[in-house]
Amino acid sequence: MEKNKIGKYVKYAIGEIILVMIGILLALQINNWNNDRIERKLESNILSEIQVNLEKDVINLTSKIDFNENQIKHNTVILEHLVRKTPLTDSLRFSYARLSGRGTFEPITVAYENLKSKGIDIIHNDSLRIAISELYDFKYFYVTEDLRMDYEPIKNLHMSEIYKNVKSVFSDGKNQRLSEPVNLSEAQNNIYFQEALKRAIAFYNWMNYNYDRAIKENKDVQERIKAELGQREK
């Protein structure tokens, strides 16, 4: 009888231990499932935020391209005017007043910085994670820092020649700035001024080429994000 009681107690204890272990395993499984669900929700939210930032970047890049196109137009008009030695008009004075400036692009990185603070590995799709990282850390870098550094010597030459050869005169009836050459005859024969305009035009075109490429690279990442979020909604 004593042996039977001990056997029952052992079986009961073993059963209790098994039940406790099963309970612990279930609790761990539920906790892991809950943590994974929270992480996936956080990942989706960050991806959505990056998507919004990228959409705004495209709008920004497009506006910079438009600005640079205007700069190309004004510099080209003045260059042709100087080379052909045509008479000075108010239309040309309008362009003289708008020779300088450039469309500087700065990406919106709030969502990407948030991603890095949470840990970029939170994005489980390897190719998507790499694409986002490459866009912000490498591809965007060229159209911001590198392009800006390349522009500095051309900007200095451009601005220097404008400063020496162009003066502000007055505003027209529409309160628009007007400028004209300090000495039209000298400007028409100033090869340094004309060369500065040529280089500026070439670089505005180069900037826009790179901005167009950045838009394509941006939209490629956007499509990847949309595809990833779309799969989760199914």
C-alpha atoms as a PDB file:
ATOM      1  CA  MET A   1       0.000   0.000   0.000  1.00  0.00           C
ATOM      2  CA  GLU A   2       2.846   2.360   0.880  1.00  0.00           C
ATOM      3  CA  LYS A   3       4.517   1.569  -2.451  1.00  0.00           C
ATOM      4  CA  ASN A   4       1.237   2.247  -4.290  1.00  0.00           C
ATOM      5  CA  LYS A   5       0.842   5.611  -2.513  1.00  0.00           C
ATOM      6  CA  ILE A   6       4.395   6.621  -3.343  1.00  0.00           C
ATOM      7  CA  GLY A   7       3.843   5.593  -6.984  1.00  0.00           C
ATOM      8  CA  LYS A   8       0.698   7.707  -7.158  1.00  0.00           C
ATOM      9  CA  TYR A   9       2.469  10.697  -5.595  1.00  0.00           C
ATOM     10  CA  VAL A  10       5.345  10.373  -8.071  1.00  0.00           C
ATOM     11  CA  LYS A  11       2.950  10.170 -10.998  1.00  0.00           C
ATOM     12  CA  TYR A  12       0.990  13.122  -9.626  1.00  0.00           C
ATOM     13  CA  ALA A  13       4.173  15.160  -9.150  1.00  0.00           C
ATOM     14  CA  ILE A  14       5.368  14.293 -12.633  1.00  0.00           C
ATOM     15  CA  GLY A  15       1.959  15.277 -14.014  1.00  0.00           C
ATOM     16  CA  GLU A  16       2.096  18.554 -12.122  1.00  0.00           C
ATOM     17  CA  ILE A  17       5.588  19.269 -13.457  1.00  0.00           C
ATOM     18  CA  ILE A  18       4.488  18.491 -17.016  1.00  0.00           C
ATOM     19  CA  LEU A  19       1.457  20.767 -16.654  1.00  0.00           C
ATOM     20  CA  VAL A  20       3.626  23.571 -15.268  1.00  0.00           C
ATOM     21  CA  MET A  21       6.114  23.147 -18.119  1.00  0.00           C
ATOM     22  CA  ILE A  22       3.319  23.167 -20.683  1.00  0.00           C
ATOM     23  CA  GLY A  23       1.938  26.330 -19.052  1.00  0.00           C
ATOM     24  CA  ILE A  24       5.342  28.009 -19.174  1.00  0.00           C
ATOM     25  CA  LEU A  25       5.862  27.018 -22.803  1.00  0.00           C
ATOM     26  CA  LEU A  26       2.408  28.284 -23.748  1.00  0.00           C
ATOM     27  CA  ALA A  27       3.046  31.554 -21.895  1.00  0.00           C
ATOM     28  CA  LEU A  28       6.380  31.965 -23.676  1.00  0.00           C
ATOM     29  CA  GLN A  29       4.769  31.167 -27.010  1.00  0.00           C
ATOM     30  CA  ILE A  30       1.985  33.704 -26.406  1.00  0.00           C
ATOM     31  CA  ASN A  31       4.538  36.289 -25.253  1.00  0.00           C
ATOM     32  CA  ASN A  32       6.695  35.675 -28.334  1.00  0.00           C
ATOM     33  CA  TRP A  33       3.648  35.881 -30.575  1.00  0.00           C
ATOM     34  CA  ASN A  34       2.565  39.121 -28.914  1.00  0.00           C
ATOM     35  CA  ASN A  35       6.071  40.623 -29.180  1.00  0.00           C
ATOM     36  CA  ASP A  36       6.280  39.591 -32.830  1.00  0.00           C
ATOM     37  CA  ARG A  37       2.877  41.166 -33.502  1.00  0.00           C
ATOM     38  CA  ILE A  38       3.970  44.421 -31.831  1.00  0.00           C
ATOM     39  CA  GLU A  39       7.239  44.414 -33.784  1.00  0.00           C
ATOM     40  CA  ARG A  40       5.454  43.783 -37.087  1.00  0.00           C
ATOM     41  CA  LYS A  41       3.049  46.624 -36.293  1.00  0.00           C
ATOM     42  CA  LEU A  42       5.983  48.927 -35.524  1.00  0.00           C
ATOM     43  CA  GLU A  43       7.717  47.846 -38.746  1.00  0.00           C
ATOM     44  CA  SER A  44       4.593  48.596 -40.794  1.00  0.00           C
ATOM     45  CA  ASN A  45       4.202  52.007 -39.158  1.00  0.00           C
ATOM     46  CA  ILE A  46       7.836  52.949 -39.860  1.00  0.00           C
ATOM     47  CA  LEU A  47       7.577  51.756 -43.460  1.00  0.00           C
ATOM     48  CA  SER A  48       4.431  53.854 -43.895  1.00  0.00           C
ATOM     49  CA  GLU A  49       6.249  56.877 -42.462  1.00  0.00           C
ATOM     50  CA  ILE A  50       9.198  56.334 -44.814  1.00  0.00           C
ATOM     51  CA  GLN A  51       6.724  56.085 -47.696  1.00  0.00           C
ATOM     52  CA  VAL A  52       5.240  59.475 -46.794  1.00  0.00           C
ATOM     53  CA  ASN A  53       8.723  61.030 -46.488  1.00  0.00           C
ATOM     54  CA  LEU A  54       9.712  59.642 -49.889  1.00  0.00           C
ATOM     55  CA  GLU A  55       6.574  61.031 -51.518  1.00  0.00           C
ATOM     56  CA  LYS A  56       7.424  64.474 -50.137  1.00  0.00           C
ATOM     57  CA  ASP A  57      11.009  64.083 -51.378  1.00  0.00           C
ATOM     58  CA  VAL A  58       9.714  63.557 -54.922  1.00  0.00           C
ATOM     59  CA  ILE A  59       7.664  66.759 -54.664  1.00  0.00           C
ATOM     60  CA  ASN A  60      10.741  68.583 -53.343  1.00  0.00           C
ATOM     61  CA  LEU A  61      13.025  67.204 -56.051  1.00  0.00           C
ATOM     62  CA  THR A  62      10.531  68.127 -58.747  1.00  0.00           C
ATOM     63  CA  SER A  63      10.365  71.715 -57.463  1.00  0.00           C
ATOM     64  CA  LYS A  64      14.184  71.913 -57.469  1.00  0.00           C
ATOM     65  CA  ILE A  65      14.268  70.672 -61.055  1.00  0.00           C
ATOM     66  CA  ASP A  66      11.741  73.356 -62.025  1.00  0.00           C
ATOM     67  CA  PHE A  67      13.831  76.007 -60.258  1.00  0.00           C
ATOM     68  CA  ASN A  68      16.997  74.886 -62.041  1.00  0.00           C
ATOM     69  CA  GLU A  69      15.162  74.878 -65.375  1.00  0.00           C
ATOM     70  CA  ASN A  70      14.358  78.536 -64.803  1.00  0.00           C
ATOM     71  CA  GLN A  71      18.008  79.212 -64.003  1.00  0.00           C
ATOM     72  CA  ILE A  72      19.035  77.469 -67.215  1.00  0.00           C
ATOM     73  CA  LYS A  73      16.544  79.612 -69.142  1.00  0.00           C
ATOM     74  CA  HIS A  74      17.716  82.936 -67.665  1.00  0.00           C
ATOM     75  CA  ASN A  75      21.436  82.146 -68.008  1.00  0.00           C
ATOM     76  CA  THR A  76      20.937  80.925 -71.579  1.00  0.00           C
ATOM     77  CA  VAL A  77      18.960  84.035 -72.540  1.00  0.00           C
ATOM     78  CA  ILE A  78      21.692  86.325 -71.180  1.00  0.00           C
ATOM     79  CA  LEU A  79      24.495  84.282 -72.751  1.00  0.00           C
ATOM     80  CA  GLU A  80      22.835  84.482 -76.181  1.00  0.00           C
ATOM     81  CA  HIS A  81      22.219  88.195 -75.666  1.00  0.00           C
ATOM     82  CA  LEU A  82      25.907  88.785 -74.896  1.00  0.00           C
ATOM     83  CA  VAL A  83      27.214  86.620 -77.744  1.00  0.00           C
ATOM     84  CA  ARG A  84      24.848  88.101 -80.328  1.00  0.00           C
ATOM     85  CA  LYS A  85      25.196  91.612 -78.865  1.00  0.00           C
ATOM     86  CA  THR A  86      21.475  92.287 -79.009  1.00  0.00           C
ATOM     87  CA  PRO A  87      19.922  95.466 -77.513  1.00  0.00           C
ATOM     88  CA  LEU A  88      19.061  95.555 -73.817  1.00  0.00           C
ATOM     89  CA  THR A  89      15.353  95.168 -73.004  1.00  0.00           C
ATOM     90  CA  ASP A  90      13.282  94.936 -69.794  1.00  0.00           C
ATOM     91  CA  SER A  91      12.824  91.237 -70.502  1.00  0.00           C
ATOM     92  CA  LEU A  92      16.601  90.847 -70.447  1.00  0.00           C
ATOM     93  CA  ARG A  93      16.836  93.005 -67.316  1.00  0.00           C
ATOM     94  CA  PHE A  94      14.398  90.560 -65.698  1.00  0.00           C
ATOM     95  CA  SER A  95      16.714  87.658 -66.587  1.00  0.00           C
ATOM     96  CA  TYR A  96      19.842  89.545 -65.472  1.00  0.00           C
ATOM     97  CA  ALA A  97      18.260  89.799 -62.013  1.00  0.00           C
ATOM     98  CA  ARG A  98      17.779  86.015 -61.867  1.00  0.00           C
ATOM     99  CA  LEU A  99      21.097  84.573 -62.961  1.00  0.00           C
ATOM    100  CA  SER A 100      22.175  83.202 -59.574  1.00  0.00           C
ATOM    101  CA  GLY A 101      20.737  80.672 -57.170  1.00  0.00           C
ATOM    102  CA  ARG A 102      20.266  76.936 -57.257  1.00  0.00           C
ATOM    103  CA  GLY A 103      17.680  74.372 -56.248  1.00  0.00           C
ATOM    104  CA  THR A 104      19.202  72.705 -53.192  1.00  0.00           C
ATOM    105  CA  PHE A 105      17.682  69.346 -52.228  1.00  0.00           C
ATOM    106  CA  GLU A 106      17.561  68.110 -48.640  1.00  0.00           C
ATOM    107  CA  PRO A 107      15.783  64.779 -48.090  1.00  0.00           C
ATOM    108  CA  ILE A 108      13.315  64.308 -45.250  1.00  0.00           C
ATOM    109  CA  THR A 109      14.998  61.733 -43.003  1.00  0.00           C
ATOM    110  CA  VAL A 110      12.745  61.775 -39.908  1.00  0.00           C
ATOM    111  CA  ALA A 111      11.300  58.298 -40.538  1.00  0.00           C
ATOM    112  CA  TYR A 112      14.670  56.823 -41.537  1.00  0.00           C
ATOM    113  CA  GLU A 113      16.315  58.193 -38.379  1.00  0.00           C
ATOM    114  CA  ASN A 114      13.450  56.684 -36.382  1.00  0.00           C
ATOM    115  CA  LEU A 115      14.099  53.352 -38.097  1.00  0.00           C
ATOM    116  CA  LYS A 116      17.796  53.483 -37.209  1.00  0.00           C
ATOM    117  CA  SER A 117      16.984  54.305 -33.575  1.00  0.00           C
ATOM    118  CA  LYS A 118      14.714  51.236 -33.388  1.00  0.00           C
ATOM    119  CA  GLY A 119      17.254  49.057 -35.211  1.00  0.00           C
ATOM    120  CA  ILE A 120      17.252  48.722 -38.983  1.00  0.00           C
ATOM    121  CA  ASP A 121      16.990  44.921 -38.633  1.00  0.00           C
ATOM    122  CA  ILE A 122      13.380  45.434 -37.634  1.00  0.00           C
ATOM    123  CA  ILE A 123      12.698  45.300 -41.378  1.00  0.00           C
ATOM    124  CA  HIS A 124      12.621  41.565 -42.076  1.00  0.00           C
ATOM    125  CA  ASN A 125      12.621  41.811 -45.872  1.00  0.00           C
ATOM    126  CA  ASP A 126      16.351  41.781 -46.625  1.00  0.00           C
ATOM    127  CA  SER A 127      16.149  43.313 -50.111  1.00  0.00           C
ATOM    128  CA  LEU A 128      13.829  46.089 -48.891  1.00  0.00           C
ATOM    129  CA  ARG A 129      16.050  46.853 -45.908  1.00  0.00           C
ATOM    130  CA  ILE A 130      19.112  47.089 -48.178  1.00  0.00           C
ATOM    131  CA  ALA A 131      17.246  49.257 -50.728  1.00  0.00           C
ATOM    132  CA  ILE A 132      16.150  51.766 -48.060  1.00  0.00           C
ATOM    133  CA  SER A 133      19.609  51.920 -46.518  1.00  0.00           C
ATOM    134  CA  GLU A 134      21.323  52.387 -49.891  1.00  0.00           C
ATOM    135  CA  LEU A 135      18.933  55.179 -50.866  1.00  0.00           C
ATOM    136  CA  TYR A 136      19.424  57.246 -47.718  1.00  0.00           C
ATOM    137  CA  ASP A 137      23.083  56.495 -46.958  1.00  0.00           C
ATOM    138  CA  PHE A 138      24.566  56.400 -50.465  1.00  0.00           C
ATOM    139  CA  LYS A 139      22.324  57.443 -53.362  1.00  0.00           C
ATOM    140  CA  TYR A 140      20.849  60.472 -51.610  1.00  0.00           C
ATOM    141  CA  PHE A 141      24.307  61.436 -50.368  1.00  0.00           C
ATOM    142  CA  TYR A 142      25.491  62.226 -53.885  1.00  0.00           C
ATOM    143  CA  VAL A 143      22.596  64.559 -54.697  1.00  0.00           C
ATOM    144  CA  THR A 144      23.180  66.432 -51.425  1.00  0.00           C
ATOM    145  CA  GLU A 145      26.744  66.567 -50.093  1.00  0.00           C
ATOM    146  CA  ASP A 146      28.783  65.483 -53.126  1.00  0.00           C
ATOM    147  CA  LEU A 147      26.794  67.528 -55.618  1.00  0.00           C
ATOM    148  CA  ARG A 148      27.011  70.562 -53.356  1.00  0.00           C
ATOM    149  CA  MET A 149      30.783  70.223 -53.101  1.00  0.00           C
ATOM    150  CA  ASP A 150      31.086  69.876 -56.895  1.00  0.00           C
ATOM    151  CA  TYR A 151      29.019  73.032 -57.311  1.00  0.00           C
ATOM    152  CA  GLU A 152      31.134  75.249 -55.027  1.00  0.00           C
ATOM    153  CA  PRO A 153      33.927  76.225 -57.497  1.00  0.00           C
ATOM    154  CA  ILE A 154      31.385  76.817 -60.281  1.00  0.00           C
ATOM    155  CA  LYS A 155      29.162  78.861 -57.969  1.00  0.00           C
ATOM    156  CA  ASN A 156      32.123  80.983 -56.844  1.00  0.00           C
ATOM    157  CA  LEU A 157      33.111  81.750 -60.444  1.00  0.00           C
ATOM    158  CA  HIS A 158      29.502  82.386 -61.460  1.00  0.00           C
ATOM    159  CA  MET A 159      28.745  84.683 -58.525  1.00  0.00           C
ATOM    160  CA  SER A 160      32.054  86.522 -58.889  1.00  0.00           C
ATOM    161  CA  GLU A 161      31.410  87.339 -62.549  1.00  0.00           C
ATOM    162  CA  ILE A 162      27.804  88.355 -61.858  1.00  0.00           C
ATOM    163  CA  TYR A 163      28.956  90.618 -59.031  1.00  0.00           C
ATOM    164  CA  LYS A 164      31.540  92.300 -61.273  1.00  0.00           C
ATOM    165  CA  ASN A 165      29.380  92.673 -64.361  1.00  0.00           C
ATOM    166  CA  VAL A 166      25.767  93.074 -63.210  1.00  0.00           C
ATOM    167  CA  LYS A 167      24.084  95.777 -61.153  1.00  0.00           C
ATOM    168  CA  SER A 168      20.565  96.148 -59.795  1.00  0.00           C
ATOM    169  CA  VAL A 169      18.664  99.033 -61.298  1.00  0.00           C
ATOM    170  CA  PHE A 170      15.027  99.219 -60.177  1.00  0.00           C
ATOM    171  CA  SER A 171      11.757  97.339 -60.009  1.00  0.00           C
ATOM    172  CA  ASP A 172       9.153  97.542 -62.707  1.00  0.00           C
ATOM    173  CA  GLY A 173       5.506  98.369 -62.159  1.00  0.00           C
ATOM    174  CA  LYS A 174       4.875  94.823 -60.949  1.00  0.00           C
ATOM    175  CA  ASN A 175       7.524  95.133 -58.226  1.00  0.00           C
ATOM    176  CA  GLN A 176       9.801  92.693 -59.994  1.00  0.00           C
ATOM    177  CA  ARG A 177      13.565  93.023 -59.596  1.00  0.00           C
ATOM    178  CA  LEU A 178      15.451  94.196 -62.660  1.00  0.00           C
ATOM    179  CA  SER A 179      19.200  94.269 -63.293  1.00  0.00           C
ATOM    180  CA  GLU A 180      21.500  95.138 -66.159  1.00  0.00           C
ATOM    181  CA  PRO A 181      25.199  95.064 -67.058  1.00  0.00           C
ATOM    182  CA  VAL A 182      27.463  97.584 -65.379  1.00  0.00           C
ATOM    183  CA  ASN A 183      28.835  98.208 -68.863  1.00  0.00           C
ATOM    184  CA  LEU A 184      27.009  96.445 -71.678  1.00  0.00           C
ATOM    185  CA  SER A 185      29.814  96.762 -74.219  1.00  0.00           C
ATOM    186  CA  GLU A 186      32.382  95.330 -71.799  1.00  0.00           C
ATOM    187  CA  ALA A 187      30.041  92.495 -70.779  1.00  0.00           C
ATOM    188  CA  GLN A 188      29.490  91.571 -74.417  1.00  0.00           C
ATOM    189  CA  ASN A 189      33.238  91.166 -74.869  1.00  0.00           C
ATOM    190  CA  ASN A 190      33.948  89.579 -71.484  1.00  0.00           C
ATOM    191  CA  ILE A 191      34.852  85.946 -72.207  1.00  0.00           C
ATOM    192  CA  TYR A 192      35.184  85.167 -68.475  1.00  0.00           C
ATOM    193  CA  PHE A 193      31.617  86.287 -67.789  1.00  0.00           C
ATOM    194  CA  GLN A 194      30.334  84.260 -70.719  1.00  0.00           C
ATOM    195  CA  GLU A 195      32.334  81.206 -69.642  1.00  0.00           C
ATOM    196  CA  ALA A 196      30.898  81.487 -66.132  1.00  0.00           C
ATOM    197  CA  LEU A 197      27.382  81.458 -67.604  1.00  0.00           C
ATOM    198  CA  LYS A 198      28.213  78.409 -69.750  1.00  0.00           C
ATOM    199  CA  ARG A 199      29.550  76.487 -66.765  1.00  0.00           C
ATOM    200  CA  ALA A 200      26.546  77.392 -64.659  1.00  0.00           C
ATOM    201  CA  ILE A 201      24.166  76.211 -67.391  1.00  0.00           C
ATOM    202  CA  ALA A 202      26.074  72.928 -67.713  1.00  0.00           C
ATOM    203  CA  PHE A 203      25.971  72.346 -63.978  1.00  0.00           C
ATOM    204  CA  TYR A 204      22.262  73.171 -63.660  1.00  0.00           C
ATOM    205  CA  ASN A 205      21.693  70.490 -66.308  1.00  0.00           C
ATOM    206  CA  TRP A 206      23.955  68.091 -64.407  1.00  0.00           C
ATOM    207  CA  MET A 207      22.047  68.732 -61.172  1.00  0.00           C
ATOM    208  CA  ASN A 208      18.743  68.052 -62.874  1.00  0.00           C
ATOM    209  CA  TYR A 209      20.085  64.852 -64.409  1.00  0.00           C
ATOM    210  CA  ASN A 210      21.004  63.619 -60.940  1.00  0.00           C
ATOM    211  CA  TYR A 211      17.725  64.838 -59.438  1.00  0.00           C
ATOM    212  CA  ASP A 212      15.818  62.913 -62.119  1.00  0.00           C
ATOM    213  CA  ARG A 213      17.841  59.815 -61.260  1.00  0.00           C
ATOM    214  CA  ALA A 214      17.142  60.343 -57.547  1.00  0.00           C
ATOM    215  CA  ILE A 215      13.401  60.481 -58.277  1.00  0.00           C
ATOM    216  CA  LYS A 216      13.592  57.139 -60.117  1.00  0.00           C
ATOM    217  CA  GLU A 217      15.574  55.546 -57.273  1.00  0.00           C
ATOM    218  CA  ASN A 218      13.156  57.008 -54.747  1.00  0.00           C
ATOM    219  CA  LYS A 219      10.117  55.669 -56.597  1.00  0.00           C
ATOM    220  CA  ASP A 220      11.723  52.226 -56.852  1.00  0.00           C
ATOM    221  CA  VAL A 221      11.972  52.080 -53.047  1.00  0.00           C
ATOM    222  CA  GLN A 222       8.414  53.376 -52.767  1.00  0.00           C
ATOM    223  CA  GLU A 223       7.173  50.514 -54.955  1.00  0.00           C
ATOM    224  CA  ARG A 224       9.038  47.996 -52.800  1.00  0.00           C
ATOM    225  CA  ILE A 225       7.475  49.420 -49.647  1.00  0.00           C
ATOM    226  CA  LYS A 226       3.989  49.383 -51.191  1.00  0.00           C
ATOM    227  CA  ALA A 227       4.452  45.745 -52.206  1.00  0.00           C
ATOM    228  CA  GLU A 228       5.623  44.802 -48.704  1.00  0.00           C
ATOM    229  CA  LEU A 229       2.741  46.584 -46.959  1.00  0.00           C
ATOM    230  CA  GLY A 230       0.294  45.176 -49.526  1.00  0.00           C
ATOM    231  CA  GLN A 231       1.290  41.613 -48.668  1.00  0.00           C
ATOM    232  CA  ARG A 232       0.540  42.250 -44.998  1.00  0.00           C
ATOM    233  CA  GLU A 233      -2.949  43.480 -45.730  1.00  0.00           C
ATOM    234  CA  LYS A 234      -3.910  40.195 -47.425  1.00  0.00           C
END
